[in-house]
Amino acid sequence: MNTPYKILGTGSYLPPLTVDNEMYAKIIDTSDEWITSRTGISRRHLCDGETTWEMAVKASFVALKDAGVSPESIDIIIASTLTNDYTTPNLSTIIQDETKAVNAFCFDVNAACTGFIQAFDIAMRYLMSPEPVTALVVASESLSKIVDFSDRRTCVLFGDGAGAVVLSNREADGKTVAPTEVYDAFFGAQGDGGGYMTGKAFEVATHPFSDPDKAVPEDRFGHETGIFLSMKGPEVYRFATTAMPHAIEEVLSRTGIRLDEIDYVVPHQANDRILQASAKRLGLDFEKMLSTIAETGNTSSASVPICLDQYVRSGQIRRGQTLILTGFGGGLTYGACACIF
């Protein structure tokens, strides 16, 4: 695509409470060696009173400051979350109110861990307008809300946090951004694997007009843990280690960019083994597969923008570099975006 765009700024927020593997070993049958050898996770940040919207707002303010733009200049807010604090209002409208981005229209997406890159791509489509468009894309997750802390297979995997980017087809000073051909995206889904990762939102409706003798239907996925996440690890691993490389290969084909021309891949931070297996499958130098998983765990849709922001602030990701943002998640969903930072 010959698209004018620029990532004007990035931001992230991680709760101050840090929980390492030894702390988990005190409440469940596990150990630091067991967790790190299977996941690559050493510690993660968990909410201690923070809400999903509060983390989203804090990451947004950091991104706005980094971009050098005012909240009033934002035209669109797209938020990704599967752990919103409310069924309504949605997360994006709370972000609008808290940041005073009063000129923005707002909506949320939920594609689990793929949510941020889907939101990123949606924002890019709006940037194709000849009119000035500036978008705030935010992902925020409080997975500690929906994790069963008695289940050692899943509770050690997840963390909380938020990440944000500001995208625009104008510079911060209003000047038009030069078009670039380095943008494209590929997304897919495998709905028949939806049962591999599930968490209940609501039970089947009961009300004064319900037939009391009518049998309650069985859960579509056989989900038995209520709001708590349930995951079939081996099936998710097999899906992830094929879907993520496939998405990357597809987006490279669409852009005409070779793998060795990519500076970094910024992937969903689910499991270090998945990242290693995906890099091997692609033939990618593992040093180009960026990871924060040891310090953050799996923060679902927030993991890609958190990882991006941390590497931007460290100076490793620099202007003009070619990136692939990629992820996979419940649904099952997957995808990748190729872009210039």
C-alpha atoms as a PDB file:
ATOM      1  CA  MET A   1       0.000   0.000   0.000  1.00  0.00           C
ATOM      2  CA  ASN A   2       1.202   3.499  -0.838  1.00  0.00           C
ATOM      3  CA  THR A   3       0.050   4.804   2.540  1.00  0.00           C
ATOM      4  CA  PRO A   4       1.088   7.967   4.369  1.00  0.00           C
ATOM      5  CA  TYR A   5       1.501   7.074   8.016  1.00  0.00           C
ATOM      6  CA  LYS A   6       3.777   7.466  10.989  1.00  0.00           C
ATOM      7  CA  ILE A   7       3.865   5.927  14.450  1.00  0.00           C
ATOM      8  CA  LEU A   8       4.157   9.241  16.261  1.00  0.00           C
ATOM      9  CA  GLY A   9       4.492   7.814  19.748  1.00  0.00           C
ATOM     10  CA  THR A  10       4.297   4.767  21.987  1.00  0.00           C
ATOM     11  CA  GLY A  11       3.463   4.234  25.635  1.00  0.00           C
ATOM     12  CA  SER A  12       2.903   1.503  28.184  1.00  0.00           C
ATOM     13  CA  TYR A  13       1.984   0.948  31.803  1.00  0.00           C
ATOM     14  CA  LEU A  14       2.725  -1.971  34.116  1.00  0.00           C
ATOM     15  CA  PRO A  15       1.302  -2.182  37.656  1.00  0.00           C
ATOM     16  CA  PRO A  16       3.936  -1.740  40.396  1.00  0.00           C
ATOM     17  CA  LEU A  17       3.120  -5.094  42.013  1.00  0.00           C
ATOM     18  CA  THR A  18       5.646  -7.612  40.686  1.00  0.00           C
ATOM     19  CA  VAL A  19       5.069 -11.304  41.403  1.00  0.00           C
ATOM     20  CA  ASP A  20       7.987 -13.652  40.772  1.00  0.00           C
ATOM     21  CA  ASN A  21       7.936 -17.421  40.423  1.00  0.00           C
ATOM     22  CA  GLU A  22       9.027 -18.033  43.988  1.00  0.00           C
ATOM     23  CA  MET A  23       5.902 -16.232  45.202  1.00  0.00           C
ATOM     24  CA  TYR A  24       3.754 -18.621  43.159  1.00  0.00           C
ATOM     25  CA  ALA A  25       5.627 -21.569  44.638  1.00  0.00           C
ATOM     26  CA  LYS A  26       4.294 -20.532  48.045  1.00  0.00           C
ATOM     27  CA  ILE A  27       0.637 -20.847  47.014  1.00  0.00           C
ATOM     28  CA  ILE A  28       0.623 -23.696  44.446  1.00  0.00           C
ATOM     29  CA  ASP A  29       2.643 -26.819  43.668  1.00  0.00           C
ATOM     30  CA  THR A  30       5.240 -25.314  41.350  1.00  0.00           C
ATOM     31  CA  SER A  31       8.795 -23.965  41.269  1.00  0.00           C
ATOM     32  CA  ASP A  32      10.845 -21.319  39.540  1.00  0.00           C
ATOM     33  CA  GLU A  33      12.621 -24.009  37.506  1.00  0.00           C
ATOM     34  CA  TRP A  34       9.319 -25.579  36.408  1.00  0.00           C
ATOM     35  CA  ILE A  35       7.894 -22.255  35.238  1.00  0.00           C
ATOM     36  CA  THR A  36      10.977 -20.804  33.550  1.00  0.00           C
ATOM     37  CA  SER A  37      11.888 -24.022  31.728  1.00  0.00           C
ATOM     38  CA  ARG A  38       8.391 -24.335  30.243  1.00  0.00           C
ATOM     39  CA  THR A  39       7.468 -20.698  29.622  1.00  0.00           C
ATOM     40  CA  GLY A  40      10.493 -18.409  29.943  1.00  0.00           C
ATOM     41  CA  ILE A  41       8.595 -16.317  32.497  1.00  0.00           C
ATOM     42  CA  SER A  42      10.399 -15.167  35.652  1.00  0.00           C
ATOM     43  CA  ARG A  43       7.976 -12.536  36.915  1.00  0.00           C
ATOM     44  CA  ARG A  44       4.873 -10.650  35.914  1.00  0.00           C
ATOM     45  CA  HIS A  45       3.008  -7.505  37.009  1.00  0.00           C
ATOM     46  CA  LEU A  46      -0.433  -7.892  38.589  1.00  0.00           C
ATOM     47  CA  CYS A  47      -3.069  -5.303  39.383  1.00  0.00           C
ATOM     48  CA  ASP A  48      -3.403  -4.364  43.026  1.00  0.00           C
ATOM     49  CA  GLY A  49      -6.448  -2.118  42.860  1.00  0.00           C
ATOM     50  CA  GLU A  50      -5.851  -0.787  39.338  1.00  0.00           C
ATOM     51  CA  THR A  51      -8.675  -1.168  36.834  1.00  0.00           C
ATOM     52  CA  THR A  52      -8.339  -2.008  33.151  1.00  0.00           C
ATOM     53  CA  TRP A  53      -9.407   1.500  32.183  1.00  0.00           C
ATOM     54  CA  GLU A  54      -6.923   3.154  34.557  1.00  0.00           C
ATOM     55  CA  MET A  55      -4.015   1.263  33.011  1.00  0.00           C
ATOM     56  CA  ALA A  56      -5.285   2.112  29.517  1.00  0.00           C
ATOM     57  CA  VAL A  57      -5.454   5.804  30.366  1.00  0.00           C
ATOM     58  CA  LYS A  58      -1.945   5.844  31.864  1.00  0.00           C
ATOM     59  CA  ALA A  59      -0.476   4.152  28.769  1.00  0.00           C
ATOM     60  CA  SER A  60      -2.416   6.581  26.556  1.00  0.00           C
ATOM     61  CA  PHE A  61      -1.011   9.658  28.292  1.00  0.00           C
ATOM     62  CA  VAL A  62       2.527   8.319  27.863  1.00  0.00           C
ATOM     63  CA  ALA A  63       1.923   7.701  24.138  1.00  0.00           C
ATOM     64  CA  LEU A  64       0.345  11.141  23.638  1.00  0.00           C
ATOM     65  CA  LYS A  65       3.280  12.842  25.327  1.00  0.00           C
ATOM     66  CA  ASP A  66       5.750  10.798  23.296  1.00  0.00           C
ATOM     67  CA  ALA A  67       3.896  11.711  20.102  1.00  0.00           C
ATOM     68  CA  GLY A  68       3.879  15.397  20.963  1.00  0.00           C
ATOM     69  CA  VAL A  69       0.175  15.783  20.192  1.00  0.00           C
ATOM     70  CA  SER A  70      -2.726  17.048  22.256  1.00  0.00           C
ATOM     71  CA  PRO A  71      -5.680  14.834  23.199  1.00  0.00           C
ATOM     72  CA  GLU A  72      -7.923  17.200  21.212  1.00  0.00           C
ATOM     73  CA  SER A  73      -6.071  16.279  18.018  1.00  0.00           C
ATOM     74  CA  ILE A  74      -7.079  12.607  18.273  1.00  0.00           C
ATOM     75  CA  ASP A  75      -9.777  11.659  15.748  1.00  0.00           C
ATOM     76  CA  ILE A  76     -10.202   7.967  16.578  1.00  0.00           C
ATOM     77  CA  ILE A  77      -9.692   5.858  19.681  1.00  0.00           C
ATOM     78  CA  ILE A  78      -9.650   2.097  19.209  1.00  0.00           C
ATOM     79  CA  ALA A  79      -9.273  -0.030  22.326  1.00  0.00           C
ATOM     80  CA  SER A  80      -8.572  -3.744  22.564  1.00  0.00           C
ATOM     81  CA  THR A  81      -9.460  -5.746  25.651  1.00  0.00           C
ATOM     82  CA  LEU A  82     -11.070  -8.971  26.788  1.00  0.00           C
ATOM     83  CA  THR A  83     -11.102  -7.823  30.421  1.00  0.00           C
ATOM     84  CA  ASN A  84     -13.084  -4.599  30.329  1.00  0.00           C
ATOM     85  CA  ASP A  85     -14.429  -3.297  33.625  1.00  0.00           C
ATOM     86  CA  TYR A  86     -17.911  -2.762  32.185  1.00  0.00           C
ATOM     87  CA  THR A  87     -20.173  -4.369  29.617  1.00  0.00           C
ATOM     88  CA  THR A  88     -21.032  -0.773  28.782  1.00  0.00           C
ATOM     89  CA  PRO A  89     -19.598   1.837  28.422  1.00  0.00           C
ATOM     90  CA  ASN A  90     -16.806   0.467  26.348  1.00  0.00           C
ATOM     91  CA  LEU A  91     -13.150   1.017  27.193  1.00  0.00           C
ATOM     92  CA  SER A  92     -12.447   3.469  24.372  1.00  0.00           C
ATOM     93  CA  THR A  93     -15.087   5.956  25.521  1.00  0.00           C
ATOM     94  CA  ILE A  94     -13.670   5.915  29.053  1.00  0.00           C
ATOM     95  CA  ILE A  95     -10.237   6.629  27.590  1.00  0.00           C
ATOM     96  CA  GLN A  96     -11.746   9.509  25.612  1.00  0.00           C
ATOM     97  CA  ASP A  97     -13.304  11.036  28.722  1.00  0.00           C
ATOM     98  CA  GLU A  98     -10.231  10.607  30.925  1.00  0.00           C
ATOM     99  CA  THR A  99      -7.787  11.979  28.356  1.00  0.00           C
ATOM    100  CA  LYS A 100     -10.224  14.679  27.155  1.00  0.00           C
ATOM    101  CA  ALA A 101      -9.813  13.552  23.554  1.00  0.00           C
ATOM    102  CA  VAL A 102     -13.212  15.133  22.951  1.00  0.00           C
ATOM    103  CA  ASN A 103     -13.035  15.084  19.133  1.00  0.00           C
ATOM    104  CA  ALA A 104     -12.469  11.338  18.827  1.00  0.00           C
ATOM    105  CA  PHE A 105     -15.015   8.702  17.931  1.00  0.00           C
ATOM    106  CA  CYS A 106     -14.496   5.461  19.792  1.00  0.00           C
ATOM    107  CA  PHE A 107     -14.919   1.728  19.572  1.00  0.00           C
ATOM    108  CA  ASP A 108     -13.504  -1.479  21.060  1.00  0.00           C
ATOM    109  CA  VAL A 109     -12.312  -4.730  19.532  1.00  0.00           C
ATOM    110  CA  ASN A 110     -11.915  -8.131  21.156  1.00  0.00           C
ATOM    111  CA  ALA A 111      -9.852 -10.694  19.308  1.00  0.00           C
ATOM    112  CA  ALA A 112      -8.124 -11.880  22.492  1.00  0.00           C
ATOM    113  CA  CYS A 113      -4.337 -11.731  22.095  1.00  0.00           C
ATOM    114  CA  THR A 114      -4.598 -10.693  18.420  1.00  0.00           C
ATOM    115  CA  GLY A 115      -6.696  -7.666  19.339  1.00  0.00           C
ATOM    116  CA  PHE A 116      -4.044  -4.957  19.274  1.00  0.00           C
ATOM    117  CA  ILE A 117      -2.719  -5.748  15.811  1.00  0.00           C
ATOM    118  CA  GLN A 118      -6.260  -5.928  14.455  1.00  0.00           C
ATOM    119  CA  ALA A 119      -6.951  -2.508  16.003  1.00  0.00           C
ATOM    120  CA  PHE A 120      -3.653  -1.214  14.580  1.00  0.00           C
ATOM    121  CA  ASP A 121      -4.655  -2.340  11.086  1.00  0.00           C
ATOM    122  CA  ILE A 122      -8.141  -0.831  11.393  1.00  0.00           C
ATOM    123  CA  ALA A 123      -6.556   2.496  12.343  1.00  0.00           C
ATOM    124  CA  MET A 124      -4.239   2.266   9.332  1.00  0.00           C
ATOM    125  CA  ARG A 125      -7.261   1.931   7.040  1.00  0.00           C
ATOM    126  CA  TYR A 126      -8.622   5.233   8.343  1.00  0.00           C
ATOM    127  CA  LEU A 127      -5.243   6.868   7.711  1.00  0.00           C
ATOM    128  CA  MET A 128      -5.732   6.267   3.973  1.00  0.00           C
ATOM    129  CA  SER A 129      -8.172   9.187   3.987  1.00  0.00           C
ATOM    130  CA  PRO A 130      -6.938  12.360   2.249  1.00  0.00           C
ATOM    131  CA  GLU A 131      -8.074  14.213   5.355  1.00  0.00           C
ATOM    132  CA  PRO A 132      -5.834  14.561   8.424  1.00  0.00           C
ATOM    133  CA  VAL A 133      -6.418  11.573  10.704  1.00  0.00           C
ATOM    134  CA  THR A 134      -4.731  10.799  14.015  1.00  0.00           C
ATOM    135  CA  ALA A 135      -5.584   7.618  15.918  1.00  0.00           C
ATOM    136  CA  LEU A 136      -4.906   6.422  19.435  1.00  0.00           C
ATOM    137  CA  VAL A 137      -4.758   2.616  19.597  1.00  0.00           C
ATOM    138  CA  VAL A 138      -4.735   1.133  23.091  1.00  0.00           C
ATOM    139  CA  ALA A 139      -4.703  -2.385  24.528  1.00  0.00           C
ATOM    140  CA  SER A 140      -5.249  -2.979  28.227  1.00  0.00           C
ATOM    141  CA  GLU A 141      -5.706  -6.255  30.083  1.00  0.00           C
ATOM    142  CA  SER A 142      -6.321  -7.261  33.693  1.00  0.00           C
ATOM    143  CA  LEU A 143      -5.980 -10.998  33.230  1.00  0.00           C
ATOM    144  CA  SER A 144      -5.631 -11.521  36.970  1.00  0.00           C
ATOM    145  CA  LYS A 145      -9.432 -11.002  37.043  1.00  0.00           C
ATOM    146  CA  ILE A 146     -10.058 -14.179  35.098  1.00  0.00           C
ATOM    147  CA  VAL A 147      -7.211 -16.467  36.169  1.00  0.00           C
ATOM    148  CA  ASP A 148      -7.792 -19.368  38.561  1.00  0.00           C
ATOM    149  CA  PHE A 149      -4.894 -19.041  41.013  1.00  0.00           C
ATOM    150  CA  SER A 150      -5.326 -22.649  42.092  1.00  0.00           C
ATOM    151  CA  ASP A 151      -4.595 -23.901  38.560  1.00  0.00           C
ATOM    152  CA  ARG A 152      -0.813 -24.101  38.233  1.00  0.00           C
ATOM    153  CA  ARG A 153      -1.032 -24.796  34.492  1.00  0.00           C
ATOM    154  CA  THR A 154      -2.476 -21.376  33.682  1.00  0.00           C
ATOM    155  CA  CYS A 155      -2.114 -18.932  36.579  1.00  0.00           C
ATOM    156  CA  VAL A 156       1.670 -18.578  36.210  1.00  0.00           C
ATOM    157  CA  LEU A 157       1.366 -17.537  32.563  1.00  0.00           C
ATOM    158  CA  PHE A 158      -0.512 -14.273  32.770  1.00  0.00           C
ATOM    159  CA  GLY A 159       0.199 -10.700  33.761  1.00  0.00           C
ATOM    160  CA  ASP A 160      -1.541  -7.328  33.631  1.00  0.00           C
ATOM    161  CA  GLY A 161      -0.665  -4.146  31.777  1.00  0.00           C
ATOM    162  CA  ALA A 162      -1.448  -1.746  28.962  1.00  0.00           C
ATOM    163  CA  GLY A 163       0.203  -0.396  25.831  1.00  0.00           C
ATOM    164  CA  ALA A 164      -0.663   2.343  23.343  1.00  0.00           C
ATOM    165  CA  VAL A 165       0.448   3.916  20.078  1.00  0.00           C
ATOM    166  CA  VAL A 166      -0.451   7.134  18.287  1.00  0.00           C
ATOM    167  CA  LEU A 167      -0.707   6.764  14.503  1.00  0.00           C
ATOM    168  CA  SER A 168      -1.228   9.593  12.030  1.00  0.00           C
ATOM    169  CA  ASN A 169      -1.019  10.557   8.380  1.00  0.00           C
ATOM    170  CA  ARG A 170       0.355  13.900   9.584  1.00  0.00           C
ATOM    171  CA  GLU A 171       3.440  14.868  11.558  1.00  0.00           C
ATOM    172  CA  ALA A 172       2.906  16.226  15.060  1.00  0.00           C
ATOM    173  CA  ASP A 173       3.216  19.751  13.623  1.00  0.00           C
ATOM    174  CA  GLY A 174       0.501  19.046  11.037  1.00  0.00           C
ATOM    175  CA  LYS A 175       2.711  18.541   7.988  1.00  0.00           C
ATOM    176  CA  THR A 176       1.750  15.735   5.610  1.00  0.00           C
ATOM    177  CA  VAL A 177       3.634  12.470   6.097  1.00  0.00           C
ATOM    178  CA  ALA A 178       5.334  11.103   2.993  1.00  0.00           C
ATOM    179  CA  PRO A 179       3.694   7.905   1.685  1.00  0.00           C
ATOM    180  CA  THR A 180       5.460   4.587   2.182  1.00  0.00           C
ATOM    181  CA  GLU A 181       4.877   1.294   0.422  1.00  0.00           C
ATOM    182  CA  VAL A 182       5.888  -0.665   3.522  1.00  0.00           C
ATOM    183  CA  TYR A 183       2.571  -1.473   5.055  1.00  0.00           C
ATOM    184  CA  ASP A 184       0.335  -4.469   4.734  1.00  0.00           C
ATOM    185  CA  ALA A 185      -1.406  -6.946   6.972  1.00  0.00           C
ATOM    186  CA  PHE A 186      -2.727 -10.479   6.985  1.00  0.00           C
ATOM    187  CA  PHE A 187      -5.316 -11.911   9.378  1.00  0.00           C
ATOM    188  CA  GLY A 188      -6.987 -15.263   9.776  1.00  0.00           C
ATOM    189  CA  ALA A 189      -9.095 -17.295  12.152  1.00  0.00           C
ATOM    190  CA  GLN A 190      -9.810 -20.921  12.981  1.00  0.00           C
ATOM    191  CA  GLY A 191     -13.170 -20.865  14.714  1.00  0.00           C
ATOM    192  CA  ASP A 192     -13.213 -24.643  15.019  1.00  0.00           C
ATOM    193  CA  GLY A 193     -10.441 -24.279  17.609  1.00  0.00           C
ATOM    194  CA  GLY A 194     -12.412 -21.893  19.805  1.00  0.00           C
ATOM    195  CA  GLY A 195     -12.642 -24.468  22.559  1.00  0.00           C
ATOM    196  CA  TYR A 196      -8.871 -24.512  23.045  1.00  0.00           C
ATOM    197  CA  MET A 197      -9.032 -21.295  25.090  1.00  0.00           C
ATOM    198  CA  THR A 198     -12.266 -20.228  26.741  1.00  0.00           C
ATOM    199  CA  GLY A 199     -13.649 -18.038  29.501  1.00  0.00           C
ATOM    200  CA  LYS A 200     -17.323 -17.507  30.236  1.00  0.00           C
ATOM    201  CA  ALA A 201     -18.887 -14.044  29.981  1.00  0.00           C
ATOM    202  CA  PHE A 202     -22.447 -14.726  31.116  1.00  0.00           C
ATOM    203  CA  GLU A 203     -24.601 -17.709  31.938  1.00  0.00           C
ATOM    204  CA  VAL A 204     -27.662 -18.572  29.860  1.00  0.00           C
ATOM    205  CA  ALA A 205     -30.439 -16.064  30.551  1.00  0.00           C
ATOM    206  CA  THR A 206     -33.065 -16.829  33.185  1.00  0.00           C
ATOM    207  CA  HIS A 207     -35.990 -14.481  33.801  1.00  0.00           C
ATOM    208  CA  PRO A 208     -39.590 -14.536  35.091  1.00  0.00           C
ATOM    209  CA  PHE A 209     -40.806 -15.861  31.741  1.00  0.00           C
ATOM    210  CA  SER A 210     -38.339 -18.754  31.519  1.00  0.00           C
ATOM    211  CA  ASP A 211     -39.699 -22.300  31.424  1.00  0.00           C
ATOM    212  CA  PRO A 212     -38.454 -23.832  34.720  1.00  0.00           C
ATOM    213  CA  ASP A 213     -38.667 -27.319  33.247  1.00  0.00           C
ATOM    214  CA  LYS A 214     -36.566 -26.521  30.218  1.00  0.00           C
ATOM    215  CA  ALA A 215     -33.134 -28.118  30.392  1.00  0.00           C
ATOM    216  CA  VAL A 216     -30.167 -25.768  30.539  1.00  0.00           C
ATOM    217  CA  PRO A 217     -28.210 -26.200  27.301  1.00  0.00           C
ATOM    218  CA  GLU A 218     -24.735 -27.660  27.513  1.00  0.00           C
ATOM    219  CA  ASP A 219     -21.870 -25.225  27.131  1.00  0.00           C
ATOM    220  CA  ARG A 220     -20.798 -25.060  23.489  1.00  0.00           C
ATOM    221  CA  PHE A 221     -17.176 -25.735  24.378  1.00  0.00           C
ATOM    222  CA  GLY A 222     -17.679 -27.846  27.477  1.00  0.00           C
ATOM    223  CA  HIS A 223     -16.267 -24.969  29.499  1.00  0.00           C
ATOM    224  CA  GLU A 224     -16.577 -25.707  33.219  1.00  0.00           C
ATOM    225  CA  THR A 225     -14.549 -23.011  34.982  1.00  0.00           C
ATOM    226  CA  GLY A 226     -16.958 -20.062  34.768  1.00  0.00           C
ATOM    227  CA  ILE A 227     -15.229 -16.722  34.255  1.00  0.00           C
ATOM    228  CA  PHE A 228     -11.833 -18.323  34.778  1.00  0.00           C
ATOM    229  CA  LEU A 229      -9.745 -19.069  31.714  1.00  0.00           C
ATOM    230  CA  SER A 230      -9.476 -22.642  30.557  1.00  0.00           C
ATOM    231  CA  MET A 231      -6.772 -23.588  28.081  1.00  0.00           C
ATOM    232  CA  LYS A 232      -5.690 -26.722  26.254  1.00  0.00           C
ATOM    233  CA  GLY A 233      -1.967 -26.054  26.199  1.00  0.00           C
ATOM    234  CA  PRO A 234      -0.726 -28.605  23.636  1.00  0.00           C
ATOM    235  CA  GLU A 235      -3.398 -27.620  21.112  1.00  0.00           C
ATOM    236  CA  VAL A 236      -2.669 -23.902  21.555  1.00  0.00           C
ATOM    237  CA  TYR A 237       1.055 -24.549  21.164  1.00  0.00           C
ATOM    238  CA  ARG A 238       0.547 -26.435  17.895  1.00  0.00           C
ATOM    239  CA  PHE A 239      -1.731 -23.703  16.577  1.00  0.00           C
ATOM    240  CA  ALA A 240       0.591 -20.863  17.574  1.00  0.00           C
ATOM    241  CA  THR A 241       3.762 -22.370  16.121  1.00  0.00           C
ATOM    242  CA  THR A 242       2.111 -22.742  12.714  1.00  0.00           C
ATOM    243  CA  ALA A 243      -0.307 -19.783  12.588  1.00  0.00           C
ATOM    244  CA  MET A 244       2.161 -17.058  13.583  1.00  0.00           C
ATOM    245  CA  PRO A 245       4.871 -18.070  11.070  1.00  0.00           C
ATOM    246  CA  HIS A 246       2.167 -18.428   8.402  1.00  0.00           C
ATOM    247  CA  ALA A 247       0.896 -14.903   9.075  1.00  0.00           C
ATOM    248  CA  ILE A 248       4.422 -13.506   8.872  1.00  0.00           C
ATOM    249  CA  GLU A 249       5.117 -15.310   5.587  1.00  0.00           C
ATOM    250  CA  GLU A 250       1.839 -14.036   4.147  1.00  0.00           C
ATOM    251  CA  VAL A 251       2.492 -10.414   5.048  1.00  0.00           C
ATOM    252  CA  LEU A 252       6.033 -10.619   3.678  1.00  0.00           C
ATOM    253  CA  SER A 253       4.629 -11.962   0.421  1.00  0.00           C
ATOM    254  CA  ARG A 254       2.112  -9.116   0.243  1.00  0.00           C
ATOM    255  CA  THR A 255       4.736  -6.415   0.797  1.00  0.00           C
ATOM    256  CA  GLY A 256       7.467  -8.026  -1.280  1.00  0.00           C
ATOM    257  CA  ILE A 257       9.888  -7.708   1.617  1.00  0.00           C
ATOM    258  CA  ARG A 258      12.380 -10.486   2.324  1.00  0.00           C
ATOM    259  CA  LEU A 259      12.697 -11.925   5.819  1.00  0.00           C
ATOM    260  CA  ASP A 260      16.310 -10.731   6.030  1.00  0.00           C
ATOM    261  CA  GLU A 261      15.116  -7.150   5.389  1.00  0.00           C
ATOM    262  CA  ILE A 262      13.072  -7.170   8.590  1.00  0.00           C
ATOM    263  CA  ASP A 263      14.795  -5.457  11.493  1.00  0.00           C
ATOM    264  CA  TYR A 264      12.605  -6.949  14.240  1.00  0.00           C
ATOM    265  CA  VAL A 265       9.527  -9.040  14.830  1.00  0.00           C
ATOM    266  CA  VAL A 266       7.407  -7.768  17.747  1.00  0.00           C
ATOM    267  CA  PRO A 267       5.332 -10.826  18.667  1.00  0.00           C
ATOM    268  CA  HIS A 268       2.613 -11.628  21.139  1.00  0.00           C
ATOM    269  CA  GLN A 269       4.358 -12.653  24.360  1.00  0.00           C
ATOM    270  CA  ALA A 270       2.734 -15.991  25.178  1.00  0.00           C
ATOM    271  CA  ASN A 271       5.526 -18.465  25.752  1.00  0.00           C
ATOM    272  CA  ASP A 272       9.258 -18.415  25.047  1.00  0.00           C
ATOM    273  CA  ARG A 273       9.079 -21.890  23.514  1.00  0.00           C
ATOM    274  CA  ILE A 274       6.502 -20.645  21.012  1.00  0.00           C
ATOM    275  CA  LEU A 275       8.734 -17.737  20.021  1.00  0.00           C
ATOM    276  CA  GLN A 276      11.740 -20.009  19.571  1.00  0.00           C
ATOM    277  CA  ALA A 277       9.790 -22.588  17.568  1.00  0.00           C
ATOM    278  CA  SER A 278       8.267 -19.880  15.352  1.00  0.00           C
ATOM    279  CA  ALA A 279      11.657 -18.294  14.652  1.00  0.00           C
ATOM    280  CA  LYS A 280      13.109 -21.702  13.782  1.00  0.00           C
ATOM    281  CA  ARG A 281      10.214 -22.482  11.457  1.00  0.00           C
ATOM    282  CA  LEU A 282      10.712 -19.173   9.658  1.00  0.00           C
ATOM    283  CA  GLY A 283      14.502 -19.369   9.557  1.00  0.00           C
ATOM    284  CA  LEU A 284      14.626 -16.093  11.500  1.00  0.00           C
ATOM    285  CA  ASP A 285      17.593 -15.095  13.647  1.00  0.00           C
ATOM    286  CA  PHE A 286      16.130 -15.388  17.156  1.00  0.00           C
ATOM    287  CA  GLU A 287      17.763 -12.103  18.159  1.00  0.00           C
ATOM    288  CA  LYS A 288      15.270 -10.406  15.842  1.00  0.00           C
ATOM    289  CA  MET A 289      12.321 -11.962  17.722  1.00  0.00           C
ATOM    290  CA  LEU A 290      11.869  -9.412  20.486  1.00  0.00           C
ATOM    291  CA  SER A 291      10.707 -10.604  23.880  1.00  0.00           C
ATOM    292  CA  THR A 292       9.691  -9.130  27.216  1.00  0.00           C
ATOM    293  CA  ILE A 293       8.033 -12.305  28.448  1.00  0.00           C
ATOM    294  CA  ALA A 294      10.553 -12.973  31.235  1.00  0.00           C
ATOM    295  CA  GLU A 295       9.474  -9.746  32.961  1.00  0.00           C
ATOM    296  CA  THR A 296       5.818  -9.358  31.932  1.00  0.00           C
ATOM    297  CA  GLY A 297       4.358 -12.790  31.269  1.00  0.00           C
ATOM    298  CA  ASN A 298       1.436 -13.038  28.851  1.00  0.00           C
ATOM    299  CA  THR A 299      -0.586  -9.794  28.899  1.00  0.00           C
ATOM    300  CA  SER A 300      -2.866 -10.873  26.029  1.00  0.00           C
ATOM    301  CA  SER A 301      -3.598  -8.066  23.549  1.00  0.00           C
ATOM    302  CA  ALA A 302      -1.450  -5.620  25.544  1.00  0.00           C
ATOM    303  CA  SER A 303       1.709  -7.666  25.035  1.00  0.00           C
ATOM    304  CA  VAL A 304       2.616  -6.371  21.553  1.00  0.00           C
ATOM    305  CA  PRO A 305       2.368  -2.629  22.357  1.00  0.00           C
ATOM    306  CA  ILE A 306       4.098  -3.135  25.721  1.00  0.00           C
ATOM    307  CA  CYS A 307       6.958  -4.951  23.987  1.00  0.00           C
ATOM    308  CA  LEU A 308       7.111  -2.310  21.257  1.00  0.00           C
ATOM    309  CA  ASP A 309       7.236   0.563  23.740  1.00  0.00           C
ATOM    310  CA  GLN A 310       9.906  -1.035  25.909  1.00  0.00           C
ATOM    311  CA  TYR A 311      12.224  -1.636  22.963  1.00  0.00           C
ATOM    312  CA  VAL A 312      11.602   1.862  21.594  1.00  0.00           C
ATOM    313  CA  ARG A 313      12.533   3.363  24.968  1.00  0.00           C
ATOM    314  CA  SER A 314      15.631   1.185  25.229  1.00  0.00           C
ATOM    315  CA  GLY A 315      16.792   2.557  21.865  1.00  0.00           C
ATOM    316  CA  GLN A 316      16.858  -0.829  20.160  1.00  0.00           C
ATOM    317  CA  ILE A 317      13.923   0.023  17.893  1.00  0.00           C
ATOM    318  CA  ARG A 318      14.754   3.189  15.948  1.00  0.00           C
ATOM    319  CA  ARG A 319      13.157   5.378  13.322  1.00  0.00           C
ATOM    320  CA  GLY A 320      13.143   3.933   9.823  1.00  0.00           C
ATOM    321  CA  GLN A 321      13.364   0.302  10.900  1.00  0.00           C
ATOM    322  CA  THR A 322      11.061  -2.290   9.374  1.00  0.00           C
ATOM    323  CA  LEU A 323       8.952  -4.211  11.885  1.00  0.00           C
ATOM    324  CA  ILE A 324       6.460  -7.027  11.888  1.00  0.00           C
ATOM    325  CA  LEU A 325       3.831  -6.948  14.628  1.00  0.00           C
ATOM    326  CA  THR A 326       2.275 -10.361  15.023  1.00  0.00           C
ATOM    327  CA  GLY A 327       0.040 -12.334  17.335  1.00  0.00           C
ATOM    328  CA  PHE A 328      -2.335 -15.210  17.890  1.00  0.00           C
ATOM    329  CA  GLY A 329      -5.018 -15.827  20.447  1.00  0.00           C
ATOM    330  CA  GLY A 330      -8.355 -17.205  21.496  1.00  0.00           C
ATOM    331  CA  GLY A 331     -10.990 -17.567  18.883  1.00  0.00           C
ATOM    332  CA  LEU A 332      -8.735 -18.841  17.408  1.00  0.00           C
ATOM    333  CA  THR A 333      -7.351 -15.691  15.769  1.00  0.00           C
ATOM    334  CA  TYR A 334      -3.990 -14.741  14.289  1.00  0.00           C
ATOM    335  CA  GLY A 335      -2.341 -12.147  12.096  1.00  0.00           C
ATOM    336  CA  ALA A 336       0.602  -9.894  11.300  1.00  0.00           C
ATOM    337  CA  CYS A 337       1.296  -6.309  10.175  1.00  0.00           C
ATOM    338  CA  ALA A 338       4.461  -5.135   8.409  1.00  0.00           C
ATOM    339  CA  CYS A 339       5.284  -1.471   9.032  1.00  0.00           C
ATOM    340  CA  ILE A 340       8.000   1.145   9.327  1.00  0.00           C
ATOM    341  CA  PHE A 341       8.673   2.640  12.732  1.00  0.00           C
END
